[in-house]
N, C-alpha and C. Protein backbone atom coordinates (compact mmCIF):
# COMPACT_ATOMS: atom_id res chain seq x y z
N MET A 1 4.45 -15.93 18.83
CA MET A 1 3.27 -15.48 19.54
C MET A 1 3.21 -13.95 19.61
N LEU A 2 4.34 -13.32 19.77
CA LEU A 2 4.37 -11.87 19.84
C LEU A 2 3.88 -11.24 18.55
N GLU A 3 4.20 -11.85 17.41
CA GLU A 3 3.79 -11.32 16.12
C GLU A 3 2.26 -11.36 15.96
N SER A 4 1.63 -12.45 16.42
CA SER A 4 0.18 -12.55 16.28
C SER A 4 -0.54 -11.53 17.16
N MET A 5 0.03 -11.21 18.29
CA MET A 5 -0.56 -10.18 19.16
C MET A 5 -0.42 -8.81 18.51
N LYS A 6 0.69 -8.60 17.81
CA LYS A 6 0.93 -7.32 17.15
C LYS A 6 -0.10 -7.08 16.05
N ASP A 7 -0.49 -8.15 15.34
CA ASP A 7 -1.47 -8.03 14.28
C ASP A 7 -2.86 -7.66 14.79
N ARG A 8 -3.10 -7.89 16.06
CA ARG A 8 -4.41 -7.56 16.64
C ARG A 8 -4.43 -6.17 17.27
N ASP A 9 -3.30 -5.52 17.32
CA ASP A 9 -3.21 -4.18 17.91
C ASP A 9 -3.96 -3.18 17.02
N PHE A 10 -4.80 -2.37 17.65
CA PHE A 10 -5.62 -1.42 16.90
C PHE A 10 -4.75 -0.43 16.11
N ALA A 11 -3.67 0.03 16.70
CA ALA A 11 -2.81 1.00 16.02
C ALA A 11 -2.17 0.39 14.78
N VAL A 12 -1.76 -0.87 14.86
CA VAL A 12 -1.15 -1.53 13.71
C VAL A 12 -2.17 -1.72 12.60
N ILE A 13 -3.37 -2.13 12.97
CA ILE A 13 -4.44 -2.32 11.98
C ILE A 13 -4.80 -0.99 11.33
N ALA A 14 -4.89 0.06 12.12
CA ALA A 14 -5.22 1.39 11.60
C ALA A 14 -4.14 1.88 10.64
N ARG A 15 -2.88 1.67 11.00
CA ARG A 15 -1.78 2.10 10.14
C ARG A 15 -1.82 1.36 8.80
N LYS A 16 -2.04 0.04 8.85
CA LYS A 16 -2.10 -0.74 7.62
C LYS A 16 -3.27 -0.28 6.75
N THR A 17 -4.39 0.06 7.37
CA THR A 17 -5.56 0.52 6.63
C THR A 17 -5.27 1.84 5.92
N VAL A 18 -4.63 2.76 6.64
CA VAL A 18 -4.28 4.06 6.04
C VAL A 18 -3.29 3.86 4.89
N GLU A 19 -2.30 3.01 5.10
CA GLU A 19 -1.31 2.76 4.05
C GLU A 19 -1.95 2.17 2.80
N LYS A 20 -2.90 1.25 2.98
CA LYS A 20 -3.61 0.68 1.82
C LYS A 20 -4.41 1.76 1.10
N ALA A 21 -5.03 2.65 1.88
CA ALA A 21 -5.87 3.69 1.29
C ALA A 21 -5.05 4.68 0.47
N ILE A 22 -3.85 5.02 0.94
CA ILE A 22 -3.04 6.01 0.22
C ILE A 22 -2.09 5.35 -0.78
N GLY A 23 -1.96 4.03 -0.72
CA GLY A 23 -1.15 3.32 -1.68
C GLY A 23 0.34 3.33 -1.42
N GLU A 24 0.75 3.74 -0.25
CA GLU A 24 2.17 3.74 0.11
C GLU A 24 2.32 3.70 1.62
N HIS A 25 3.52 3.38 2.07
CA HIS A 25 3.78 3.40 3.51
C HIS A 25 3.80 4.85 3.98
N LEU A 26 3.61 5.05 5.27
CA LEU A 26 3.57 6.41 5.80
C LEU A 26 4.91 7.13 5.65
N ASP A 27 6.01 6.39 5.49
CA ASP A 27 7.30 7.04 5.27
C ASP A 27 7.54 7.37 3.80
N GLY A 28 6.57 7.08 2.92
CA GLY A 28 6.67 7.43 1.52
C GLY A 28 7.13 6.32 0.61
N THR A 29 7.55 5.19 1.15
CA THR A 29 7.99 4.09 0.31
C THR A 29 6.77 3.37 -0.27
N PRO A 30 6.88 2.84 -1.49
CA PRO A 30 5.73 2.18 -2.12
C PRO A 30 5.39 0.87 -1.43
N LEU A 31 4.11 0.51 -1.49
CA LEU A 31 3.66 -0.78 -0.96
C LEU A 31 4.11 -1.89 -1.89
N GLU A 32 4.32 -3.05 -1.34
CA GLU A 32 4.64 -4.22 -2.15
C GLU A 32 3.32 -4.76 -2.68
N ILE A 33 3.17 -4.78 -3.99
CA ILE A 33 1.94 -5.25 -4.61
C ILE A 33 2.07 -6.74 -4.86
N SER A 34 1.08 -7.48 -4.41
CA SER A 34 1.09 -8.92 -4.60
C SER A 34 0.60 -9.24 -6.00
N VAL A 35 1.53 -9.55 -6.90
CA VAL A 35 1.20 -9.78 -8.30
C VAL A 35 0.48 -11.11 -8.49
N GLU A 36 0.78 -12.11 -7.67
CA GLU A 36 0.20 -13.42 -7.88
C GLU A 36 -1.31 -13.45 -7.63
N LEU A 37 -1.86 -12.40 -7.03
CA LEU A 37 -3.30 -12.35 -6.78
C LEU A 37 -4.08 -11.94 -8.03
N LYS A 38 -3.38 -11.37 -9.02
CA LYS A 38 -4.06 -10.89 -10.21
C LYS A 38 -3.99 -11.93 -11.32
N ASN A 39 -5.09 -12.09 -12.01
CA ASN A 39 -5.15 -12.98 -13.16
C ASN A 39 -4.67 -12.19 -14.37
N THR A 40 -3.52 -12.58 -14.93
CA THR A 40 -2.93 -11.81 -16.02
C THR A 40 -3.82 -11.75 -17.25
N ALA A 41 -4.57 -12.81 -17.52
CA ALA A 41 -5.47 -12.80 -18.67
C ALA A 41 -6.59 -11.77 -18.46
N ALA A 42 -7.11 -11.71 -17.25
CA ALA A 42 -8.18 -10.75 -16.96
C ALA A 42 -7.64 -9.32 -17.01
N VAL A 43 -6.43 -9.13 -16.54
CA VAL A 43 -5.82 -7.80 -16.58
C VAL A 43 -5.64 -7.33 -18.01
N SER A 44 -5.17 -8.21 -18.87
CA SER A 44 -4.96 -7.82 -20.27
C SER A 44 -6.28 -7.54 -20.99
N ARG A 45 -7.31 -8.33 -20.70
CA ARG A 45 -8.62 -8.07 -21.32
C ARG A 45 -9.19 -6.74 -20.83
N GLY A 46 -9.03 -6.45 -19.55
CA GLY A 46 -9.52 -5.19 -19.02
C GLY A 46 -8.80 -4.00 -19.63
N ARG A 47 -7.50 -4.13 -19.80
CA ARG A 47 -6.73 -3.06 -20.41
C ARG A 47 -7.14 -2.86 -21.87
N LEU A 48 -7.33 -3.95 -22.58
CA LEU A 48 -7.73 -3.86 -23.98
C LEU A 48 -9.07 -3.14 -24.12
N GLY A 49 -10.02 -3.50 -23.29
CA GLY A 49 -11.32 -2.84 -23.32
C GLY A 49 -11.22 -1.38 -22.94
N GLY A 50 -10.36 -1.07 -21.97
CA GLY A 50 -10.19 0.31 -21.54
C GLY A 50 -9.57 1.18 -22.61
N LEU A 51 -8.67 0.59 -23.38
CA LEU A 51 -7.99 1.37 -24.42
C LEU A 51 -8.94 1.76 -25.56
N LYS A 52 -9.88 0.89 -25.89
CA LYS A 52 -10.75 1.22 -27.01
C LYS A 52 -12.14 1.68 -26.58
N GLY A 53 -12.45 1.63 -25.30
CA GLY A 53 -13.79 1.95 -24.82
C GLY A 53 -14.25 3.36 -25.09
N GLY A 54 -13.43 4.35 -24.74
CA GLY A 54 -13.82 5.75 -24.92
C GLY A 54 -13.98 6.12 -26.38
N LYS A 55 -13.06 5.65 -27.20
CA LYS A 55 -13.12 5.95 -28.64
C LYS A 55 -14.35 5.30 -29.27
N ALA A 56 -14.63 4.06 -28.88
CA ALA A 56 -15.79 3.37 -29.44
C ALA A 56 -17.08 4.04 -29.02
N ARG A 57 -17.14 4.47 -27.77
CA ARG A 57 -18.35 5.15 -27.29
C ARG A 57 -18.54 6.48 -28.01
N ALA A 58 -17.47 7.23 -28.17
CA ALA A 58 -17.56 8.53 -28.85
C ALA A 58 -18.00 8.36 -30.30
N ALA A 59 -17.54 7.30 -30.94
CA ALA A 59 -17.92 7.08 -32.34
C ALA A 59 -19.40 6.77 -32.47
N ASN A 60 -20.00 6.18 -31.45
CA ASN A 60 -21.41 5.81 -31.52
C ASN A 60 -22.35 6.93 -31.08
N LEU A 61 -21.83 7.99 -30.49
CA LEU A 61 -22.68 9.08 -30.03
C LEU A 61 -22.98 10.06 -31.15
N SER A 62 -24.20 10.57 -31.14
CA SER A 62 -24.55 11.60 -32.11
C SER A 62 -23.99 12.94 -31.61
N PRO A 63 -23.83 13.90 -32.50
CA PRO A 63 -23.35 15.22 -32.06
C PRO A 63 -24.27 15.85 -31.00
N LYS A 64 -25.58 15.64 -31.14
CA LYS A 64 -26.54 16.19 -30.18
C LYS A 64 -26.31 15.59 -28.80
N ARG A 65 -26.12 14.28 -28.74
CA ARG A 65 -25.92 13.59 -27.45
C ARG A 65 -24.59 14.00 -26.83
N ARG A 66 -23.54 14.16 -27.65
CA ARG A 66 -22.25 14.61 -27.13
C ARG A 66 -22.38 15.98 -26.49
N LYS A 67 -23.17 16.85 -27.13
CA LYS A 67 -23.38 18.19 -26.61
C LYS A 67 -24.12 18.15 -25.27
N GLN A 68 -25.10 17.27 -25.16
CA GLN A 68 -25.83 17.11 -23.90
C GLN A 68 -24.89 16.66 -22.79
N ILE A 69 -24.05 15.69 -23.08
CA ILE A 69 -23.11 15.16 -22.10
C ILE A 69 -22.11 16.25 -21.68
N ALA A 70 -21.64 17.04 -22.65
CA ALA A 70 -20.68 18.10 -22.36
C ALA A 70 -21.30 19.18 -21.48
N LYS A 71 -22.56 19.53 -21.75
CA LYS A 71 -23.24 20.53 -20.93
C LYS A 71 -23.42 20.03 -19.49
N LYS A 72 -23.81 18.79 -19.36
CA LYS A 72 -23.99 18.21 -18.02
C LYS A 72 -22.66 18.18 -17.26
N ALA A 73 -21.59 17.83 -17.94
CA ALA A 73 -20.28 17.80 -17.31
C ALA A 73 -19.84 19.19 -16.88
N ALA A 74 -20.08 20.19 -17.73
CA ALA A 74 -19.70 21.56 -17.39
C ALA A 74 -20.48 22.06 -16.18
N LYS A 75 -21.77 21.74 -16.14
CA LYS A 75 -22.59 22.16 -14.98
C LYS A 75 -22.07 21.51 -13.71
N ALA A 76 -21.74 20.23 -13.79
CA ALA A 76 -21.22 19.53 -12.61
C ALA A 76 -19.87 20.10 -12.19
N ARG A 77 -19.04 20.40 -13.16
CA ARG A 77 -17.70 20.92 -12.88
C ARG A 77 -17.76 22.30 -12.23
N TRP A 78 -18.64 23.14 -12.71
CA TRP A 78 -18.72 24.51 -12.21
C TRP A 78 -19.87 24.70 -11.22
N LYS A 79 -20.52 23.61 -10.84
CA LYS A 79 -21.58 23.61 -9.81
C LYS A 79 -22.68 24.62 -10.12
N GLN A 80 -23.18 24.59 -11.34
CA GLN A 80 -24.24 25.50 -11.72
C GLN A 80 -25.55 24.80 -11.86
């Protein structure tokens, strides 16, 4: 019973929220990642698409379009 009351404590909930947001415990130790929640087939497909996505997109862009994208990125980066 004491454990269930602890889970409802605002400070405990806030601490857990902060730890999830920063990806580690407040003392610097890594969070335990629940692997069984991830679908390994979906993870591998996502990684495969991520590995070839940028190269495939760049190959399909014309030099003019690449230049437009680069200019827009530079303006955003330097706030101009």
